[in-house]
Amino acid sequence: MDPRSEVLLRQAELFQGPLLVAGAPADGLLGQLPGAHGWTWHAGDQAMLDARFAGRSHYGVAVPPVAFEAAVLFLPKSRELAAYLLNALASRLAGRELFLVGEKRGGIEGAAKQLQAFGKPRKLDSARHCQLWQVTVDNAPEAKALESLAERFTLELDDGPLQLVSLPGVFSHGRLDRGTALLLKHLDNLPLGHVLDFGCGAGVLGATVKRRYPQSRVTLLDVDAFAVAASRLTLAANGLEGEVISGDGIDAAPVDLSLILSNPPFHTGVHTNYQASENLLKKSGEHLRKGGEMRLVANSFLRYQPLIEGALGNCTTCAEADGFRIYRATRG
């Protein structure tokens, strides 16, 4: 069980009524709290929770439409996302209890200061390198619309400016990361057809390719509901059409693709996790059509080339700069 869940269950008597668990981990916590509903923005966690606790877990970027008398937030990695989520929960909890649980190395002590806007926070427990905080919501805020928290910025590309819309919690929020910047310079001579932007984030790659190759069909895929929402806003801001889907990894992607583009993720919260990226590389051949191409950027220290060669039988390095490499491979 997640150590944060274990800390919560040490105070289980506090959580027996109607409860919303925001950022619910995919463990057995809901089984120990029969009055609780989960809320997650991670498609993989939602699939596992729904399989175990059908109808009790909800996926998306907004507070789910369920009744609750208290809420607990599992602290996310992003401080901006934590602020949005705390505001959304506190706006529904006037005079009632809001709890915050997180790992010390995830910044729980600093994040607990964000509770001061709603009342007087107090630390209830500290164990398993985690802390549990509580506040009675004496000052309930007005709920902020998620889109009002969007970071909007312009990329100056060779074929003109591209508008980007990023939301709290999305990878590289409000800026262009160096890896994607390098890949944007190497999008020439792409095959036409059905294109997948894997781990789309705010939709930078998918939007760029759709504008440059308008005859191609573009699908953008991410595990995170906030990334899915941001990608839809980015496409709309540029008057572009594309399908944006949520799913846990390459298994959720379409098949018969002409091209897979990616700056693949390797973090889950504060933890390093290469599984999604390695699955993408190993299973790419199952999703590419014959002659289809995969082009991606990755940190130079990651040993991705042998995995790509194992899946597709070939791999070339197109460029290397700023600690990143561009890999290209074709399905024979």
C-alpha atoms as a PDB file:
ATOM      1  CA  MET A   1       0.000   0.000   0.000  1.00  0.00           C
ATOM      2  CA  ASP A   2       1.113   3.559  -0.708  1.00  0.00           C
ATOM      3  CA  PRO A   3       2.840   4.922   2.428  1.00  0.00           C
ATOM      4  CA  ARG A   4       0.607   8.012   2.287  1.00  0.00           C
ATOM      5  CA  SER A   5      -2.429   5.739   2.472  1.00  0.00           C
ATOM      6  CA  GLU A   6      -0.912   3.974   5.466  1.00  0.00           C
ATOM      7  CA  VAL A   7      -0.502   7.303   7.272  1.00  0.00           C
ATOM      8  CA  LEU A   8      -4.119   8.132   6.478  1.00  0.00           C
ATOM      9  CA  LEU A   9      -5.328   4.817   7.877  1.00  0.00           C
ATOM     10  CA  ARG A  10      -3.498   5.456  11.153  1.00  0.00           C
ATOM     11  CA  GLN A  11      -6.219   8.105  11.651  1.00  0.00           C
ATOM     12  CA  ALA A  12      -9.004   6.061  10.057  1.00  0.00           C
ATOM     13  CA  GLU A  13     -11.600   7.243  12.596  1.00  0.00           C
ATOM     14  CA  LEU A  14     -11.435  10.708  10.945  1.00  0.00           C
ATOM     15  CA  PHE A  15     -12.478   9.354   7.550  1.00  0.00           C
ATOM     16  CA  GLN A  16     -15.584   7.241   8.143  1.00  0.00           C
ATOM     17  CA  GLY A  17     -18.172   9.605   6.645  1.00  0.00           C
ATOM     18  CA  PRO A  18     -18.709  10.685   3.032  1.00  0.00           C
ATOM     19  CA  LEU A  19     -15.167  11.477   1.872  1.00  0.00           C
ATOM     20  CA  LEU A  20     -13.548  12.516  -1.394  1.00  0.00           C
ATOM     21  CA  VAL A  21      -9.985  11.246  -1.885  1.00  0.00           C
ATOM     22  CA  ALA A  22      -8.375  13.518  -4.489  1.00  0.00           C
ATOM     23  CA  GLY A  23      -5.320  12.145  -6.246  1.00  0.00           C
ATOM     24  CA  ALA A  24      -6.342   8.703  -5.024  1.00  0.00           C
ATOM     25  CA  PRO A  25      -3.549   6.142  -5.369  1.00  0.00           C
ATOM     26  CA  ALA A  26      -4.269   2.844  -7.108  1.00  0.00           C
ATOM     27  CA  ASP A  27      -4.071   0.767  -3.944  1.00  0.00           C
ATOM     28  CA  GLY A  28      -6.575  -0.680  -1.478  1.00  0.00           C
ATOM     29  CA  LEU A  29      -7.363   2.562   0.357  1.00  0.00           C
ATOM     30  CA  LEU A  30     -10.963   2.837  -0.879  1.00  0.00           C
ATOM     31  CA  GLY A  31     -11.544  -0.695   0.392  1.00  0.00           C
ATOM     32  CA  GLN A  32     -10.628   0.467   3.886  1.00  0.00           C
ATOM     33  CA  LEU A  33     -12.842   3.575   3.697  1.00  0.00           C
ATOM     34  CA  PRO A  34     -16.336   2.426   2.653  1.00  0.00           C
ATOM     35  CA  GLY A  35     -17.754   5.955   2.620  1.00  0.00           C
ATOM     36  CA  ALA A  36     -15.090   7.317   0.281  1.00  0.00           C
ATOM     37  CA  HIS A  37     -15.027   8.147  -3.411  1.00  0.00           C
ATOM     38  CA  GLY A  38     -11.790   8.600  -5.320  1.00  0.00           C
ATOM     39  CA  TRP A  39     -10.878  11.329  -7.794  1.00  0.00           C
ATOM     40  CA  THR A  40      -7.891  10.849 -10.085  1.00  0.00           C
ATOM     41  CA  TRP A  41      -6.465  12.531 -13.177  1.00  0.00           C
ATOM     42  CA  HIS A  42      -4.211   9.555 -14.059  1.00  0.00           C
ATOM     43  CA  ALA A  43      -5.861   7.249 -16.593  1.00  0.00           C
ATOM     44  CA  GLY A  44      -3.908   4.197 -15.466  1.00  0.00           C
ATOM     45  CA  ASP A  45      -4.858   4.672 -11.825  1.00  0.00           C
ATOM     46  CA  GLN A  46      -8.477   5.194 -12.844  1.00  0.00           C
ATOM     47  CA  ALA A  47      -8.541   1.891 -14.750  1.00  0.00           C
ATOM     48  CA  MET A  48      -7.162  -0.006 -11.755  1.00  0.00           C
ATOM     49  CA  LEU A  49      -9.435   1.713  -9.242  1.00  0.00           C
ATOM     50  CA  ASP A  50     -12.525   1.218 -11.388  1.00  0.00           C
ATOM     51  CA  ALA A  51     -11.700  -2.481 -11.742  1.00  0.00           C
ATOM     52  CA  ARG A  52     -11.482  -2.883  -7.960  1.00  0.00           C
ATOM     53  CA  PHE A  53     -14.068  -0.330  -6.784  1.00  0.00           C
ATOM     54  CA  ALA A  54     -16.544   0.047  -9.644  1.00  0.00           C
ATOM     55  CA  GLY A  55     -18.389   3.354  -9.603  1.00  0.00           C
ATOM     56  CA  ARG A  56     -16.368   4.790  -6.723  1.00  0.00           C
ATOM     57  CA  SER A  57     -13.531   6.409  -8.671  1.00  0.00           C
ATOM     58  CA  HIS A  58     -13.854   9.401 -10.985  1.00  0.00           C
ATOM     59  CA  TYR A  59     -11.451  10.656 -13.673  1.00  0.00           C
ATOM     60  CA  GLY A  60     -11.074  14.234 -14.875  1.00  0.00           C
ATOM     61  CA  VAL A  61      -9.927  17.773 -14.117  1.00  0.00           C
ATOM     62  CA  ALA A  62     -12.984  18.923 -12.138  1.00  0.00           C
ATOM     63  CA  VAL A  63     -14.315  17.934  -8.720  1.00  0.00           C
ATOM     64  CA  PRO A  64     -16.601  14.954  -9.407  1.00  0.00           C
ATOM     65  CA  PRO A  65     -20.354  15.361  -8.804  1.00  0.00           C
ATOM     66  CA  VAL A  66     -20.539  13.261  -5.642  1.00  0.00           C
ATOM     67  CA  ALA A  67     -21.571  14.250  -2.124  1.00  0.00           C
ATOM     68  CA  PHE A  68     -18.783  14.524   0.458  1.00  0.00           C
ATOM     69  CA  GLU A  69     -18.469  15.985   3.948  1.00  0.00           C
ATOM     70  CA  ALA A  70     -14.653  16.052   3.983  1.00  0.00           C
ATOM     71  CA  ALA A  71     -11.843  15.706   1.475  1.00  0.00           C
ATOM     72  CA  VAL A  72      -8.224  14.640   1.482  1.00  0.00           C
ATOM     73  CA  LEU A  73      -5.732  15.648  -1.188  1.00  0.00           C
ATOM     74  CA  PHE A  74      -2.760  13.440  -1.964  1.00  0.00           C
ATOM     75  CA  LEU A  75      -0.173  16.110  -2.710  1.00  0.00           C
ATOM     76  CA  PRO A  76       0.774  16.245  -6.407  1.00  0.00           C
ATOM     77  CA  LYS A  77       4.269  17.092  -7.628  1.00  0.00           C
ATOM     78  CA  SER A  78       3.249  20.469  -9.086  1.00  0.00           C
ATOM     79  CA  ARG A  79       2.752  23.338  -6.655  1.00  0.00           C
ATOM     80  CA  GLU A  80       0.447  25.080  -9.173  1.00  0.00           C
ATOM     81  CA  LEU A  81      -1.702  21.963  -9.471  1.00  0.00           C
ATOM     82  CA  ALA A  82      -1.855  21.626  -5.687  1.00  0.00           C
ATOM     83  CA  ALA A  83      -3.108  25.220  -5.446  1.00  0.00           C
ATOM     84  CA  TYR A  84      -5.857  24.574  -8.016  1.00  0.00           C
ATOM     85  CA  LEU A  85      -6.968  21.354  -6.326  1.00  0.00           C
ATOM     86  CA  LEU A  86      -6.964  22.815  -2.803  1.00  0.00           C
ATOM     87  CA  ASN A  87      -9.023  25.774  -4.025  1.00  0.00           C
ATOM     88  CA  ALA A  88     -11.484  23.483  -5.819  1.00  0.00           C
ATOM     89  CA  LEU A  89     -11.945  21.295  -2.733  1.00  0.00           C
ATOM     90  CA  ALA A  90     -12.057  24.111  -0.167  1.00  0.00           C
ATOM     91  CA  SER A  91     -14.725  25.911  -2.185  1.00  0.00           C
ATOM     92  CA  ARG A  92     -17.020  22.937  -1.477  1.00  0.00           C
ATOM     93  CA  LEU A  93     -16.155  22.528   2.211  1.00  0.00           C
ATOM     94  CA  ALA A  94     -17.190  25.672   4.123  1.00  0.00           C
ATOM     95  CA  GLY A  95     -17.009  24.883   7.849  1.00  0.00           C
ATOM     96  CA  ARG A  96     -15.784  21.344   7.197  1.00  0.00           C
ATOM     97  CA  GLU A  97     -12.501  19.480   7.086  1.00  0.00           C
ATOM     98  CA  LEU A  98      -9.842  19.448   4.373  1.00  0.00           C
ATOM     99  CA  PHE A  99      -6.836  17.159   4.752  1.00  0.00           C
ATOM    100  CA  LEU A 100      -3.501  17.125   2.936  1.00  0.00           C
ATOM    101  CA  VAL A 101      -1.139  14.145   2.893  1.00  0.00           C
ATOM    102  CA  GLY A 102       2.199  13.815   1.161  1.00  0.00           C
ATOM    103  CA  GLU A 103       5.785  12.689   1.270  1.00  0.00           C
ATOM    104  CA  LYS A 104       8.407  14.847   2.938  1.00  0.00           C
ATOM    105  CA  ARG A 105      10.590  14.712  -0.152  1.00  0.00           C
ATOM    106  CA  GLY A 106       7.543  15.767  -2.176  1.00  0.00           C
ATOM    107  CA  GLY A 107       7.402  19.056  -0.252  1.00  0.00           C
ATOM    108  CA  ILE A 108       4.511  18.389   2.122  1.00  0.00           C
ATOM    109  CA  GLU A 109       5.753  20.789   4.806  1.00  0.00           C
ATOM    110  CA  GLY A 110       5.933  23.686   2.361  1.00  0.00           C
ATOM    111  CA  ALA A 111       2.653  22.741   0.724  1.00  0.00           C
ATOM    112  CA  ALA A 112       0.877  22.698   4.087  1.00  0.00           C
ATOM    113  CA  LYS A 113       1.380  26.479   4.208  1.00  0.00           C
ATOM    114  CA  GLN A 114      -1.079  26.719   1.310  1.00  0.00           C
ATOM    115  CA  LEU A 115      -3.781  25.614   3.768  1.00  0.00           C
ATOM    116  CA  GLN A 116      -3.400  28.874   5.709  1.00  0.00           C
ATOM    117  CA  ALA A 117      -5.621  30.623   3.157  1.00  0.00           C
ATOM    118  CA  PHE A 118      -8.588  28.578   4.416  1.00  0.00           C
ATOM    119  CA  GLY A 119      -8.034  28.463   8.187  1.00  0.00           C
ATOM    120  CA  LYS A 120      -5.500  27.379  10.780  1.00  0.00           C
ATOM    121  CA  PRO A 121      -3.731  24.183   9.630  1.00  0.00           C
ATOM    122  CA  ARG A 122      -2.365  21.602  12.044  1.00  0.00           C
ATOM    123  CA  LYS A 123      -0.192  18.556  11.576  1.00  0.00           C
ATOM    124  CA  LEU A 124      -1.997  15.379  12.637  1.00  0.00           C
ATOM    125  CA  ASP A 125       0.618  12.719  11.959  1.00  0.00           C
ATOM    126  CA  SER A 126       4.108  12.055  10.661  1.00  0.00           C
ATOM    127  CA  ALA A 127       5.189   8.545   9.693  1.00  0.00           C
ATOM    128  CA  ARG A 128       6.623   6.546   6.790  1.00  0.00           C
ATOM    129  CA  HIS A 129       8.434   9.710   5.597  1.00  0.00           C
ATOM    130  CA  CYS A 130       4.992  11.308   5.133  1.00  0.00           C
ATOM    131  CA  GLN A 131       2.871  13.888   6.927  1.00  0.00           C
ATOM    132  CA  LEU A 132      -0.874  14.382   7.338  1.00  0.00           C
ATOM    133  CA  TRP A 133      -2.269  17.916   7.782  1.00  0.00           C
ATOM    134  CA  GLN A 134      -5.797  19.153   8.489  1.00  0.00           C
ATOM    135  CA  VAL A 135      -7.617  22.479   8.274  1.00  0.00           C
ATOM    136  CA  THR A 136     -11.189  23.479   9.075  1.00  0.00           C
ATOM    137  CA  VAL A 137     -12.291  25.605   6.118  1.00  0.00           C
ATOM    138  CA  ASP A 138     -13.290  28.839   7.827  1.00  0.00           C
ATOM    139  CA  ASN A 139     -12.573  30.913   4.709  1.00  0.00           C
ATOM    140  CA  ALA A 140     -14.127  29.067   1.787  1.00  0.00           C
ATOM    141  CA  PRO A 141     -12.864  30.537  -1.498  1.00  0.00           C
ATOM    142  CA  GLU A 142     -14.729  30.936  -4.746  1.00  0.00           C
ATOM    143  CA  ALA A 143     -13.852  28.113  -7.124  1.00  0.00           C
ATOM    144  CA  LYS A 144     -11.448  29.209  -9.851  1.00  0.00           C
ATOM    145  CA  ALA A 145     -12.118  28.093 -13.423  1.00  0.00           C
ATOM    146  CA  LEU A 146      -9.252  25.864 -14.523  1.00  0.00           C
ATOM    147  CA  GLU A 147      -8.866  27.708 -17.822  1.00  0.00           C
ATOM    148  CA  SER A 148      -8.278  30.961 -15.904  1.00  0.00           C
ATOM    149  CA  LEU A 149      -5.071  29.385 -14.568  1.00  0.00           C
ATOM    150  CA  ALA A 150      -3.768  28.496 -18.021  1.00  0.00           C
ATOM    151  CA  GLU A 151      -0.323  29.702 -19.090  1.00  0.00           C
ATOM    152  CA  ARG A 152      -0.459  30.925 -22.684  1.00  0.00           C
ATOM    153  CA  PHE A 153       2.691  31.536 -24.693  1.00  0.00           C
ATOM    154  CA  THR A 154       3.809  31.740 -28.305  1.00  0.00           C
ATOM    155  CA  LEU A 155       6.393  29.618 -30.100  1.00  0.00           C
ATOM    156  CA  GLU A 156       8.091  31.343 -33.008  1.00  0.00           C
ATOM    157  CA  LEU A 157       8.456  28.555 -35.572  1.00  0.00           C
ATOM    158  CA  ASP A 158       9.736  28.653 -39.156  1.00  0.00           C
ATOM    159  CA  ASP A 159       6.195  28.461 -40.524  1.00  0.00           C
ATOM    160  CA  GLY A 160       4.852  31.126 -38.168  1.00  0.00           C
ATOM    161  CA  PRO A 161       3.883  31.593 -34.508  1.00  0.00           C
ATOM    162  CA  LEU A 162       2.151  28.732 -32.681  1.00  0.00           C
ATOM    163  CA  GLN A 163      -0.013  29.405 -29.637  1.00  0.00           C
ATOM    164  CA  LEU A 164       0.521  27.043 -26.691  1.00  0.00           C
ATOM    165  CA  VAL A 165      -1.873  26.632 -23.760  1.00  0.00           C
ATOM    166  CA  SER A 166      -0.566  24.868 -20.666  1.00  0.00           C
ATOM    167  CA  LEU A 167      -2.442  23.952 -17.484  1.00  0.00           C
ATOM    168  CA  PRO A 168      -1.226  23.375 -13.908  1.00  0.00           C
ATOM    169  CA  GLY A 169       0.461  19.998 -13.510  1.00  0.00           C
ATOM    170  CA  VAL A 170       1.240  19.550 -17.206  1.00  0.00           C
ATOM    171  CA  PHE A 171       4.844  18.688 -18.088  1.00  0.00           C
ATOM    172  CA  SER A 172       6.995  21.805 -18.600  1.00  0.00           C
ATOM    173  CA  HIS A 173       4.080  24.033 -17.562  1.00  0.00           C
ATOM    174  CA  GLY A 174       4.231  27.451 -19.188  1.00  0.00           C
ATOM    175  CA  ARG A 175       7.460  26.924 -21.131  1.00  0.00           C
ATOM    176  CA  LEU A 176       9.039  24.857 -23.881  1.00  0.00           C
ATOM    177  CA  ASP A 177      11.389  22.185 -22.521  1.00  0.00           C
ATOM    178  CA  ARG A 178      14.803  21.736 -24.175  1.00  0.00           C
ATOM    179  CA  GLY A 179      14.117  18.205 -25.437  1.00  0.00           C
ATOM    180  CA  THR A 180      10.956  19.172 -27.292  1.00  0.00           C
ATOM    181  CA  ALA A 181      12.692  22.302 -28.628  1.00  0.00           C
ATOM    182  CA  LEU A 182      15.357  20.083 -30.189  1.00  0.00           C
ATOM    183  CA  LEU A 183      12.802  17.694 -31.687  1.00  0.00           C
ATOM    184  CA  LEU A 184      10.897  20.621 -33.237  1.00  0.00           C
ATOM    185  CA  LYS A 185      14.015  21.348 -35.300  1.00  0.00           C
ATOM    186  CA  HIS A 186      13.968  17.824 -36.748  1.00  0.00           C
ATOM    187  CA  LEU A 187      10.457  17.372 -38.099  1.00  0.00           C
ATOM    188  CA  ASP A 188      11.315  17.490 -41.792  1.00  0.00           C
ATOM    189  CA  ASN A 189      10.330  14.779 -44.284  1.00  0.00           C
ATOM    190  CA  LEU A 190       7.848  13.105 -41.972  1.00  0.00           C
ATOM    191  CA  PRO A 191       5.666  10.352 -43.444  1.00  0.00           C
ATOM    192  CA  LEU A 192       2.077  11.347 -44.124  1.00  0.00           C
ATOM    193  CA  GLY A 193      -0.892   9.462 -42.721  1.00  0.00           C
ATOM    194  CA  HIS A 194      -1.989   8.824 -39.132  1.00  0.00           C
ATOM    195  CA  VAL A 195       0.366  10.517 -36.642  1.00  0.00           C
ATOM    196  CA  LEU A 196       0.516   9.850 -32.879  1.00  0.00           C
ATOM    197  CA  ASP A 197       1.877  12.417 -30.415  1.00  0.00           C
ATOM    198  CA  PHE A 198       2.640  10.097 -27.483  1.00  0.00           C
ATOM    199  CA  GLY A 199       2.761  11.747 -24.040  1.00  0.00           C
ATOM    200  CA  CYS A 200       1.427  14.900 -25.652  1.00  0.00           C
ATOM    201  CA  GLY A 201       1.586  17.246 -22.645  1.00  0.00           C
ATOM    202  CA  ALA A 202       0.308  20.621 -23.843  1.00  0.00           C
ATOM    203  CA  GLY A 203       0.144  19.388 -27.447  1.00  0.00           C
ATOM    204  CA  VAL A 204       3.272  21.082 -28.822  1.00  0.00           C
ATOM    205  CA  LEU A 205       4.297  18.288 -31.201  1.00  0.00           C
ATOM    206  CA  GLY A 206       0.806  17.322 -32.302  1.00  0.00           C
ATOM    207  CA  ALA A 207      -0.194  20.912 -33.093  1.00  0.00           C
ATOM    208  CA  THR A 208       3.075  21.619 -34.918  1.00  0.00           C
ATOM    209  CA  VAL A 209       2.767  18.550 -37.108  1.00  0.00           C
ATOM    210  CA  LYS A 210      -0.923  19.100 -37.882  1.00  0.00           C
ATOM    211  CA  ARG A 211      -0.205  22.620 -39.077  1.00  0.00           C
ATOM    212  CA  ARG A 212       2.859  21.612 -41.088  1.00  0.00           C
ATOM    213  CA  TYR A 213       1.258  18.468 -42.553  1.00  0.00           C
ATOM    214  CA  PRO A 214      -2.468  19.334 -42.651  1.00  0.00           C
ATOM    215  CA  GLN A 215      -3.328  16.266 -44.746  1.00  0.00           C
ATOM    216  CA  SER A 216      -2.200  13.974 -41.911  1.00  0.00           C
ATOM    217  CA  ARG A 217      -4.584  12.771 -39.227  1.00  0.00           C
ATOM    218  CA  VAL A 218      -3.198  13.534 -35.766  1.00  0.00           C
ATOM    219  CA  THR A 219      -3.982  11.748 -32.492  1.00  0.00           C
ATOM    220  CA  LEU A 220      -2.606  13.097 -29.210  1.00  0.00           C
ATOM    221  CA  LEU A 221      -2.382  10.709 -26.242  1.00  0.00           C
ATOM    222  CA  ASP A 222      -1.555  11.311 -22.587  1.00  0.00           C
ATOM    223  CA  VAL A 223      -2.160   9.544 -19.290  1.00  0.00           C
ATOM    224  CA  ASP A 224      -2.919  12.832 -17.519  1.00  0.00           C
ATOM    225  CA  ALA A 225      -6.345  14.482 -17.713  1.00  0.00           C
ATOM    226  CA  PHE A 226      -4.813  17.962 -17.377  1.00  0.00           C
ATOM    227  CA  ALA A 227      -2.529  17.300 -20.354  1.00  0.00           C
ATOM    228  CA  VAL A 228      -5.512  16.094 -22.387  1.00  0.00           C
ATOM    229  CA  ALA A 229      -7.398  19.288 -21.526  1.00  0.00           C
ATOM    230  CA  ALA A 230      -4.363  21.462 -22.329  1.00  0.00           C
ATOM    231  CA  SER A 231      -3.815  19.774 -25.711  1.00  0.00           C
ATOM    232  CA  ARG A 232      -7.431  20.413 -26.675  1.00  0.00           C
ATOM    233  CA  LEU A 233      -7.011  24.091 -25.761  1.00  0.00           C
ATOM    234  CA  THR A 234      -3.793  24.315 -27.792  1.00  0.00           C
ATOM    235  CA  LEU A 235      -5.427  22.812 -30.875  1.00  0.00           C
ATOM    236  CA  ALA A 236      -8.403  25.160 -30.519  1.00  0.00           C
ATOM    237  CA  ALA A 237      -6.139  28.207 -30.053  1.00  0.00           C
ATOM    238  CA  ASN A 238      -4.558  27.484 -33.433  1.00  0.00           C
ATOM    239  CA  GLY A 239      -7.714  26.458 -35.283  1.00  0.00           C
ATOM    240  CA  LEU A 240      -6.423  22.913 -35.734  1.00  0.00           C
ATOM    241  CA  GLU A 241      -8.248  19.594 -35.732  1.00  0.00           C
ATOM    242  CA  GLY A 242      -6.981  16.546 -33.890  1.00  0.00           C
ATOM    243  CA  GLU A 243      -8.181  13.696 -31.707  1.00  0.00           C
ATOM    244  CA  VAL A 244      -7.024  13.935 -28.078  1.00  0.00           C
ATOM    245  CA  ILE A 245      -7.382  10.776 -25.997  1.00  0.00           C
ATOM    246  CA  SER A 246      -6.491   9.691 -22.473  1.00  0.00           C
ATOM    247  CA  GLY A 247      -4.933   6.328 -21.808  1.00  0.00           C
ATOM    248  CA  ASP A 248      -2.194   4.556 -19.904  1.00  0.00           C
ATOM    249  CA  GLY A 249       0.682   4.152 -22.314  1.00  0.00           C
ATOM    250  CA  ILE A 250       1.092   2.843 -25.845  1.00  0.00           C
ATOM    251  CA  ASP A 251      -1.487   0.081 -25.310  1.00  0.00           C
ATOM    252  CA  ALA A 252      -4.159   2.810 -25.497  1.00  0.00           C
ATOM    253  CA  ALA A 253      -2.898   4.058 -28.875  1.00  0.00           C
ATOM    254  CA  PRO A 254      -4.378   3.370 -32.305  1.00  0.00           C
ATOM    255  CA  VAL A 255      -2.713   0.897 -34.676  1.00  0.00           C
ATOM    256  CA  ASP A 256      -1.701   1.256 -38.337  1.00  0.00           C
ATOM    257  CA  LEU A 257       0.149   4.498 -37.590  1.00  0.00           C
ATOM    258  CA  SER A 258       2.416   6.174 -40.118  1.00  0.00           C
ATOM    259  CA  LEU A 259       4.373   8.035 -37.459  1.00  0.00           C
ATOM    260  CA  ILE A 260       4.933   8.088 -33.700  1.00  0.00           C
ATOM    261  CA  LEU A 261       6.411  11.287 -32.278  1.00  0.00           C
ATOM    262  CA  SER A 262       7.337  11.591 -28.626  1.00  0.00           C
ATOM    263  CA  ASN A 263       9.287  13.239 -25.882  1.00  0.00           C
ATOM    264  CA  PRO A 264       8.515  10.231 -23.670  1.00  0.00           C
ATOM    265  CA  PRO A 265       7.923  10.698 -19.946  1.00  0.00           C
ATOM    266  CA  PHE A 266      10.014   9.081 -17.246  1.00  0.00           C
ATOM    267  CA  HIS A 267       8.528  10.459 -14.031  1.00  0.00           C
ATOM    268  CA  THR A 268       5.466   9.512 -12.019  1.00  0.00           C
ATOM    269  CA  GLY A 269       5.002  12.258  -9.442  1.00  0.00           C
ATOM    270  CA  VAL A 270       8.329  12.670  -7.651  1.00  0.00           C
ATOM    271  CA  HIS A 271       9.430   9.144  -8.594  1.00  0.00           C
ATOM    272  CA  THR A 272      11.436   8.081 -11.636  1.00  0.00           C
ATOM    273  CA  ASN A 273       9.494   5.595 -13.741  1.00  0.00           C
ATOM    274  CA  TYR A 274      10.674   4.409 -17.159  1.00  0.00           C
ATOM    275  CA  GLN A 275       7.920   1.840 -17.736  1.00  0.00           C
ATOM    276  CA  ALA A 276       5.718   3.908 -20.062  1.00  0.00           C
ATOM    277  CA  SER A 277       8.691   4.942 -22.187  1.00  0.00           C
ATOM    278  CA  GLU A 278      10.160   1.446 -22.388  1.00  0.00           C
ATOM    279  CA  ASN A 279       6.761  -0.022 -23.300  1.00  0.00           C
ATOM    280  CA  LEU A 280       6.475   2.562 -26.079  1.00  0.00           C
ATOM    281  CA  LEU A 281       9.817   1.509 -27.526  1.00  0.00           C
ATOM    282  CA  LYS A 282       9.246  -2.231 -27.182  1.00  0.00           C
ATOM    283  CA  LYS A 283       5.694  -2.192 -28.595  1.00  0.00           C
ATOM    284  CA  SER A 284       6.111   0.476 -31.263  1.00  0.00           C
ATOM    285  CA  GLY A 285       6.126  -2.142 -34.005  1.00  0.00           C
ATOM    286  CA  GLU A 286       2.645  -3.295 -32.989  1.00  0.00           C
ATOM    287  CA  HIS A 287       1.247   0.191 -33.680  1.00  0.00           C
ATOM    288  CA  LEU A 288       3.230   1.269 -36.746  1.00  0.00           C
ATOM    289  CA  ARG A 289       2.264   0.191 -40.242  1.00  0.00           C
ATOM    290  CA  LYS A 290       4.923  -1.316 -42.472  1.00  0.00           C
ATOM    291  CA  GLY A 291       7.281   1.512 -43.399  1.00  0.00           C
ATOM    292  CA  GLY A 292       5.982   3.618 -40.500  1.00  0.00           C
ATOM    293  CA  GLU A 293       8.432   5.694 -38.515  1.00  0.00           C
ATOM    294  CA  MET A 294       9.138   6.511 -34.889  1.00  0.00           C
ATOM    295  CA  ARG A 295      10.977   9.738 -34.104  1.00  0.00           C
ATOM    296  CA  LEU A 296      11.627  10.760 -30.521  1.00  0.00           C
ATOM    297  CA  VAL A 297      13.843  12.796 -28.240  1.00  0.00           C
ATOM    298  CA  ALA A 298      15.382  11.477 -25.024  1.00  0.00           C
ATOM    299  CA  ASN A 299      18.072  12.347 -22.526  1.00  0.00           C
ATOM    300  CA  SER A 300      21.426  11.182 -23.832  1.00  0.00           C
ATOM    301  CA  PHE A 301      22.104   9.049 -20.753  1.00  0.00           C
ATOM    302  CA  LEU A 302      19.049   6.848 -21.363  1.00  0.00           C
ATOM    303  CA  ARG A 303      19.902   3.620 -23.191  1.00  0.00           C
ATOM    304  CA  TYR A 304      16.961   3.693 -25.573  1.00  0.00           C
ATOM    305  CA  GLN A 305      18.767   2.779 -28.797  1.00  0.00           C
ATOM    306  CA  PRO A 306      19.061  -0.986 -27.996  1.00  0.00           C
ATOM    307  CA  LEU A 307      15.351  -1.110 -27.111  1.00  0.00           C
ATOM    308  CA  ILE A 308      14.389   0.598 -30.369  1.00  0.00           C
ATOM    309  CA  GLU A 309      16.653  -1.696 -32.386  1.00  0.00           C
ATOM    310  CA  GLY A 310      15.150  -4.709 -30.632  1.00  0.00           C
ATOM    311  CA  ALA A 311      11.645  -3.629 -31.603  1.00  0.00           C
ATOM    312  CA  LEU A 312      12.171  -2.238 -35.092  1.00  0.00           C
ATOM    313  CA  GLY A 313      15.531  -3.682 -36.159  1.00  0.00           C
ATOM    314  CA  ASN A 314      17.132  -0.285 -36.782  1.00  0.00           C
ATOM    315  CA  CYS A 315      17.773   3.055 -35.106  1.00  0.00           C
ATOM    316  CA  THR A 316      19.750   6.109 -36.124  1.00  0.00           C
ATOM    317  CA  THR A 317      20.703   9.214 -34.141  1.00  0.00           C
ATOM    318  CA  CYS A 318      19.605  12.280 -36.120  1.00  0.00           C
ATOM    319  CA  ALA A 319      20.991  14.900 -33.757  1.00  0.00           C
ATOM    320  CA  GLU A 320      22.517  15.414 -30.331  1.00  0.00           C
ATOM    321  CA  ALA A 321      22.579  18.665 -28.343  1.00  0.00           C
ATOM    322  CA  ASP A 322      22.015  20.031 -24.831  1.00  0.00           C
ATOM    323  CA  GLY A 323      22.109  16.536 -23.306  1.00  0.00           C
ATOM    324  CA  PHE A 324      19.437  15.128 -25.640  1.00  0.00           C
ATOM    325  CA  ARG A 325      19.387  12.834 -28.667  1.00  0.00           C
ATOM    326  CA  ILE A 326      16.916  12.540 -31.530  1.00  0.00           C
ATOM    327  CA  TYR A 327      16.289   8.913 -32.533  1.00  0.00           C
ATOM    328  CA  ARG A 328      14.673   7.750 -35.744  1.00  0.00           C
ATOM    329  CA  ALA A 329      13.619   4.219 -36.659  1.00  0.00           C
ATOM    330  CA  THR A 330      11.431   2.647 -39.340  1.00  0.00           C
ATOM    331  CA  ARG A 331       9.360  -0.508 -39.198  1.00  0.00           C
ATOM    332  CA  GLY A 332      10.517  -2.888 -41.932  1.00  0.00           C
END
